[in-house]
């Protein structure tokens, strides 16, 4: 790990590329959902992220229970809830903000489940973010372009599932520290395909689902390709490569830019604008993330002063 080396220009471009891809991710979801539905979009996303690569990507050297559990929690849990939330009126910009609650859910779960210690500044960041989320939840409506309350709660549930999948990865890292992240993502993406298809058949009907599959539009295919190949396989691989070469504390703060890109992209694509309360709530969530991610640095600087 390059603890003593600064980011090169290529490293900065890599980190920013991941941020842009993940920020655009929410707009692409909203574009791809009409006509497909949450469950079918989930099935297609994970099929495209796994089936074409099984011929040459070997199964990761991790116990099957982690592959299955991660696929169910991160796949069916996180993206099933997120896609459903967006289909029920969660705006793309607000989704990019609310999903960042995963960092705080991870902290809350890691303390009792992994025995990790949380610092005082992390609890402060959690409190600030919680206040911001409460503010965001109060600003909802049923008019076009407004965030619905049910969409908000589904997205918050998706953030909780993301945090749970983080714990699965941490437990797996203790058992199989040398696993291949790319292979793990490819093989775990197999798991959600059948559950998503089953849910699509049950909720939307067998015949309508099959008809949709037979008449996919170019827009829907491009959305699936972006979600599977760019947002999942490429972005995850690039991000993991940075984490392998640099300390997490140097890489993680770049994730703070994801909601910024998400909000800007939603404004440009759909004209989504934030009310004053939403701006205040977003600022509180963002400040909480900054305190959580970078509070340790400030504490260290104060101790040396």
Protein backbone atom coordinates (compact mmCIF):
# COMPACT_ATOMS: atom_id res chain seq x y z
CA UNK A 1 0.00 0.00 0.00
CA UNK A 2 1.37 3.37 -1.04
CA UNK A 3 1.06 5.14 2.28
CA UNK A 4 3.85 7.59 1.52
CA UNK A 5 2.99 8.31 -2.09
CA UNK A 6 0.70 11.06 -3.28
CA UNK A 7 -2.05 10.50 -5.81
CA UNK A 8 -0.85 10.72 -9.39
CA UNK A 9 -2.90 12.49 -12.02
CA UNK A 10 -4.18 9.10 -13.16
CA UNK A 11 -5.22 8.22 -9.59
CA UNK A 12 -7.21 11.45 -9.30
CA UNK A 13 -8.86 10.80 -12.66
CA UNK A 14 -9.69 7.25 -11.58
CA UNK A 15 -11.30 8.39 -8.33
CA UNK A 16 -13.26 11.11 -10.09
CA UNK A 17 -14.40 8.66 -12.78
CA UNK A 18 -15.86 6.41 -10.09
CA UNK A 19 -17.57 9.39 -8.44
CA UNK A 20 -19.13 10.48 -11.74
CA UNK A 21 -20.32 6.95 -12.59
CA UNK A 22 -21.87 6.42 -9.16
CA UNK A 23 -23.40 9.90 -9.19
CA UNK A 24 -25.02 9.35 -12.59
CA UNK A 25 -26.20 5.94 -11.42
CA UNK A 26 -29.40 7.34 -9.88
CA UNK A 27 -30.44 9.23 -13.00
CA UNK A 28 -29.89 6.10 -15.09
CA UNK A 29 -32.08 4.09 -12.70
CA UNK A 30 -34.91 6.57 -13.12
CA UNK A 31 -34.51 6.47 -16.90
CA UNK A 32 -34.48 2.66 -17.02
CA UNK A 33 -37.37 1.92 -14.68
CA UNK A 34 -40.35 3.04 -16.83
CA UNK A 35 -41.67 0.05 -18.73
CA UNK A 36 -39.45 -2.43 -16.89
CA UNK A 37 -40.40 -2.17 -13.25
CA UNK A 38 -38.08 -2.57 -10.25
CA UNK A 39 -37.89 -6.37 -10.18
CA UNK A 40 -37.23 -6.92 -13.87
CA UNK A 41 -34.64 -4.14 -13.91
CA UNK A 42 -32.93 -5.89 -10.99
CA UNK A 43 -32.92 -9.23 -12.79
CA UNK A 44 -31.48 -7.71 -15.97
CA UNK A 45 -28.87 -5.69 -14.11
CA UNK A 46 -27.44 -8.70 -12.30
CA UNK A 47 -27.72 -11.00 -15.31
CA UNK A 48 -25.66 -8.54 -17.35
CA UNK A 49 -23.12 -8.22 -14.51
CA UNK A 50 -22.59 -11.98 -14.19
CA UNK A 51 -23.63 -14.27 -17.06
CA UNK A 52 -21.31 -12.88 -19.78
CA UNK A 53 -18.25 -13.26 -17.52
CA UNK A 54 -18.67 -16.72 -16.01
CA UNK A 55 -16.77 -18.39 -18.85
CA UNK A 56 -13.48 -16.72 -17.97
CA UNK A 57 -13.88 -15.48 -14.37
CA UNK A 58 -13.10 -18.19 -11.87
CA UNK A 59 -15.20 -18.62 -8.75
CA UNK A 60 -13.73 -16.55 -5.90
CA UNK A 61 -11.97 -18.44 -3.14
CA UNK A 62 -14.53 -17.64 -0.47
CA UNK A 63 -17.16 -19.84 1.23
CA UNK A 64 -20.41 -20.10 -0.71
CA UNK A 65 -22.39 -18.72 2.22
CA UNK A 66 -20.79 -15.30 1.71
CA UNK A 67 -21.49 -15.32 -2.04
CA UNK A 68 -25.15 -16.19 -1.47
CA UNK A 69 -25.66 -13.88 1.50
CA UNK A 70 -24.05 -10.90 -0.23
CA UNK A 71 -26.05 -11.55 -3.40
CA UNK A 72 -29.32 -11.58 -1.46
CA UNK A 73 -28.60 -8.62 0.81
CA UNK A 74 -26.81 -6.34 -1.64
CA UNK A 75 -28.73 -7.50 -4.70
CA UNK A 76 -32.32 -8.24 -3.78
CA UNK A 77 -32.22 -6.18 -0.58
CA UNK A 78 -30.37 -3.01 -1.53
CA UNK A 79 -31.31 -2.68 -5.18
CA UNK A 80 -34.77 -4.18 -4.84
CA UNK A 81 -35.66 -1.53 -2.27
CA UNK A 82 -33.84 1.27 -4.12
CA UNK A 83 -35.47 0.53 -7.48
CA UNK A 84 -38.86 0.24 -5.77
CA UNK A 85 -38.33 3.51 -3.91
CA UNK A 86 -37.46 5.36 -7.12
CA UNK A 87 -40.46 3.82 -8.90
CA UNK A 88 -42.67 5.04 -6.02
CA UNK A 89 -41.58 8.64 -6.36
CA UNK A 90 -38.14 8.99 -4.82
CA UNK A 91 -36.31 11.65 -6.81
CA UNK A 92 -32.94 10.76 -8.29
CA UNK A 93 -31.10 13.61 -6.55
CA UNK A 94 -32.51 12.85 -3.09
CA UNK A 95 -31.80 9.14 -3.60
CA UNK A 96 -28.10 9.95 -4.08
CA UNK A 97 -28.15 11.80 -0.73
CA UNK A 98 -30.23 9.37 1.34
CA UNK A 99 -28.20 6.36 0.19
CA UNK A 100 -25.18 7.89 1.93
CA UNK A 101 -26.88 6.95 5.21
CA UNK A 102 -25.25 3.55 4.60
CA UNK A 103 -22.05 4.92 6.15
CA UNK A 104 -23.85 5.59 9.42
CA UNK A 105 -25.87 2.37 9.39
CA UNK A 106 -22.55 0.56 8.89
CA UNK A 107 -21.17 2.30 11.97
CA UNK A 108 -24.22 1.38 14.05
CA UNK A 109 -24.08 -2.27 12.95
CA UNK A 110 -20.30 -2.66 13.19
CA UNK A 111 -20.18 -1.71 16.88
CA UNK A 112 -22.30 -4.65 18.18
CA UNK A 113 -21.69 -7.12 15.33
CA UNK A 114 -17.96 -6.69 14.74
CA UNK A 115 -16.91 -5.26 18.09
CA UNK A 116 -15.52 -2.15 16.41
CA UNK A 117 -15.10 1.00 18.48
CA UNK A 118 -16.70 4.20 17.32
CA UNK A 119 -14.96 7.49 18.03
CA UNK A 120 -16.74 10.50 19.48
CA UNK A 121 -16.47 12.40 16.18
CA UNK A 122 -18.15 9.48 14.39
CA UNK A 123 -21.13 9.67 16.75
CA UNK A 124 -21.25 13.42 16.12
CA UNK A 125 -21.30 12.79 12.38
CA UNK A 126 -24.07 10.24 12.87
CA UNK A 127 -26.14 12.75 14.86
CA UNK A 128 -25.72 15.46 12.22
CA UNK A 129 -26.69 13.09 9.43
CA UNK A 130 -29.72 11.82 11.37
CA UNK A 131 -30.92 15.40 11.82
CA UNK A 132 -30.48 15.97 8.09
CA UNK A 133 -32.46 12.83 7.20
CA UNK A 134 -35.30 13.87 9.50
CA UNK A 135 -35.43 17.23 7.74
CA UNK A 136 -35.47 15.53 4.33
CA UNK A 137 -38.30 13.23 5.42
CA UNK A 138 -40.47 16.21 6.32
CA UNK A 139 -40.27 17.59 2.77
CA UNK A 140 -42.40 15.30 0.65
CA UNK A 141 -45.35 15.51 -1.68
CA UNK A 142 -47.19 13.77 -4.48
CA UNK A 143 -46.67 16.33 -7.24
CA UNK A 144 -44.33 15.62 -10.19
CA UNK A 145 -40.72 16.18 -9.21
CA UNK A 146 -41.44 15.92 -5.49
CA UNK A 147 -40.05 13.19 -3.23
CA UNK A 148 -42.72 10.87 -1.83
CA UNK A 149 -42.52 9.73 1.78
CA UNK A 150 -42.85 6.06 0.87
CA UNK A 151 -40.05 6.46 -1.67
CA UNK A 152 -37.89 8.03 1.03
CA UNK A 153 -38.39 5.11 3.42
CA UNK A 154 -37.75 2.49 0.74
CA UNK A 155 -34.49 4.29 -0.13
CA UNK A 156 -33.54 4.47 3.54
CA UNK A 157 -34.17 0.71 3.74
CA UNK A 158 -31.88 0.28 0.74
CA UNK A 159 -29.15 2.19 2.60
CA UNK A 160 -29.60 -0.19 5.56
CA UNK A 161 -29.22 -3.19 3.23
CA UNK A 162 -26.06 -1.63 1.77
CA UNK A 163 -24.66 -1.29 5.27
CA UNK A 164 -25.56 -4.92 6.01
CA UNK A 165 -23.73 -6.03 2.87
CA UNK A 166 -20.69 -4.06 4.09
CA UNK A 167 -20.70 -6.21 7.22
CA UNK A 168 -20.91 -9.36 5.10
CA UNK A 169 -17.78 -8.21 3.24
CA UNK A 170 -15.96 -7.47 6.48
CA UNK A 171 -16.80 -10.89 7.92
CA UNK A 172 -15.70 -12.49 4.64
CA UNK A 173 -12.44 -10.54 4.72
CA UNK A 174 -11.60 -12.13 8.05
CA UNK A 175 -12.14 -15.61 6.62
CA UNK A 176 -10.71 -15.06 3.11
CA UNK A 177 -8.53 -11.93 3.11
CA UNK A 178 -7.02 -12.60 -0.34
CA UNK A 179 -10.28 -12.87 -2.30
CA UNK A 180 -10.62 -11.38 -5.78
CA UNK A 181 -13.20 -8.53 -5.56
CA UNK A 182 -14.05 -8.61 -9.28
CA UNK A 183 -14.68 -12.36 -9.26
CA UNK A 184 -16.71 -12.02 -6.07
CA UNK A 185 -18.98 -9.37 -7.61
CA UNK A 186 -19.45 -11.41 -10.80
CA UNK A 187 -20.38 -14.62 -8.98
CA UNK A 188 -22.49 -13.00 -6.27
CA UNK A 189 -24.43 -11.22 -9.04
CA UNK A 190 -25.76 -14.64 -10.06
CA UNK A 191 -27.69 -14.97 -6.81
CA UNK A 192 -30.32 -12.22 -7.24
CA UNK A 193 -31.35 -13.14 -10.81
CA UNK A 194 -33.91 -15.85 -10.00
CA UNK A 195 -35.36 -14.08 -6.91
CA UNK A 196 -35.83 -10.92 -8.97
CA UNK A 197 -37.43 -12.86 -11.84
CA UNK A 198 -39.72 -14.66 -9.40
CA UNK A 199 -40.79 -11.35 -7.87
CA UNK A 200 -41.35 -9.86 -11.34
CA UNK A 201 -43.57 -12.81 -12.31
CA UNK A 202 -45.48 -12.59 -9.03
CA UNK A 203 -45.96 -8.80 -9.00
CA UNK A 204 -46.23 -7.96 -12.70
CA UNK A 205 -47.47 -11.27 -14.15
CA UNK A 206 -45.67 -13.91 -16.19
CA UNK A 207 -46.95 -12.90 -19.63
CA UNK A 208 -46.38 -9.13 -19.23
CA UNK A 209 -42.85 -9.79 -17.91
CA UNK A 210 -41.99 -12.08 -20.83
CA UNK A 211 -43.46 -9.61 -23.31
CA UNK A 212 -41.32 -6.84 -21.82
CA UNK A 213 -38.21 -9.02 -22.13
CA UNK A 214 -38.98 -9.69 -25.78
CA UNK A 215 -39.49 -6.00 -26.59
CA UNK A 216 -36.71 -4.21 -24.72
CA UNK A 217 -36.07 -0.71 -26.00
CA UNK A 218 -32.64 0.71 -26.75
CA UNK A 219 -33.02 3.10 -23.79
CA UNK A 220 -33.70 0.20 -21.43
CA UNK A 221 -30.76 -1.83 -22.77
CA UNK A 222 -28.39 1.11 -22.38
CA UNK A 223 -29.62 1.70 -18.81
CA UNK A 224 -29.03 -1.95 -17.91
CA UNK A 225 -25.58 -1.87 -19.52
CA UNK A 226 -24.61 1.25 -17.55
CA UNK A 227 -25.85 -0.17 -14.23
CA UNK A 228 -24.21 -3.55 -14.73
CA UNK A 229 -20.96 -2.82 -16.56
CA UNK A 230 -20.05 0.69 -15.45
CA UNK A 231 -21.69 1.29 -12.06
CA UNK A 232 -21.04 -2.25 -10.81
CA UNK A 233 -18.09 -3.97 -12.46
CA UNK A 234 -15.91 -1.08 -13.67
CA UNK A 235 -16.47 1.38 -10.81
CA UNK A 236 -16.10 -1.27 -8.12
CA UNK A 237 -12.88 -2.59 -9.68
CA UNK A 238 -11.35 0.89 -9.99
CA UNK A 239 -12.34 1.81 -6.43
CA UNK A 240 -10.91 -1.42 -5.03
CA UNK A 241 -7.68 -0.81 -6.93
CA UNK A 242 -7.28 2.55 -5.21
CA UNK A 243 -8.02 1.02 -1.80
CA UNK A 244 -5.34 -1.61 -2.37
CA UNK A 245 -2.68 1.02 -3.13
CA UNK A 246 -3.62 3.83 -0.74
CA UNK A 247 -4.94 4.13 2.81
CA UNK A 248 -8.73 4.05 3.06
CA UNK A 249 -8.67 7.47 4.72
CA UNK A 250 -7.15 8.95 1.56
CA UNK A 251 -9.60 7.28 -0.81
CA UNK A 252 -12.91 7.33 1.10
CA UNK A 253 -13.42 11.14 1.13
CA UNK A 254 -13.91 11.07 -2.64
CA UNK A 255 -17.24 9.30 -2.02
CA UNK A 256 -18.48 12.58 -0.52
CA UNK A 257 -18.69 13.91 -4.07
CA UNK A 258 -21.21 11.25 -5.18
CA UNK A 259 -24.30 13.14 -3.89
CA UNK A 260 -22.95 16.34 -5.44
CA UNK A 261 -22.80 14.67 -8.87
CA UNK A 262 -26.15 12.97 -8.22
CA UNK A 263 -27.92 16.24 -7.39
CA UNK A 264 -26.38 18.07 -10.35
CA UNK A 265 -27.20 15.24 -12.75
CA UNK A 266 -30.80 15.07 -11.49
CA UNK A 267 -31.17 18.83 -11.98
CA UNK A 268 -29.80 18.69 -15.54
CA UNK A 269 -31.75 15.56 -16.51
CA UNK A 270 -35.10 16.15 -14.82
CA UNK A 271 -35.02 19.72 -13.56
CA UNK A 272 -35.11 18.54 -9.94
CA UNK A 273 -34.61 21.43 -7.53
CA UNK A 274 -34.21 21.42 -3.77
CA UNK A 275 -36.38 23.40 -1.40
CA UNK A 276 -34.77 25.36 1.43
CA UNK A 277 -35.44 22.55 3.92
CA UNK A 278 -34.03 19.98 1.51
CA UNK A 279 -30.93 22.11 1.06
CA UNK A 280 -30.56 22.33 4.83
CA UNK A 281 -31.12 18.61 5.28
CA UNK A 282 -28.68 17.76 2.48
CA UNK A 283 -26.08 20.07 4.03
CA UNK A 284 -26.51 18.34 7.41
CA UNK A 285 -26.09 14.88 5.85
CA UNK A 286 -23.04 16.09 3.90
CA UNK A 287 -21.53 17.67 7.03
CA UNK A 288 -22.14 14.45 8.94
CA UNK A 289 -20.30 12.51 6.22
CA UNK A 290 -17.38 14.93 6.34
CA UNK A 291 -17.13 14.62 10.13
CA UNK A 292 -17.40 10.84 9.92
CA UNK A 293 -14.84 10.46 7.13
CA UNK A 294 -12.34 13.15 8.06
CA UNK A 295 -12.88 13.80 11.76
CA UNK A 296 -9.91 11.63 12.67
CA UNK A 297 -7.59 13.90 10.71
CA UNK A 298 -8.80 16.99 12.53
CA UNK A 299 -8.40 15.26 15.89
CA UNK A 300 -4.83 14.26 14.99
CA UNK A 301 -3.98 17.80 13.87
CA UNK A 302 -5.37 19.27 17.08
CA UNK A 303 -3.38 16.76 19.14
CA UNK A 304 -0.14 17.78 17.37
CA UNK A 305 -0.82 21.51 17.69
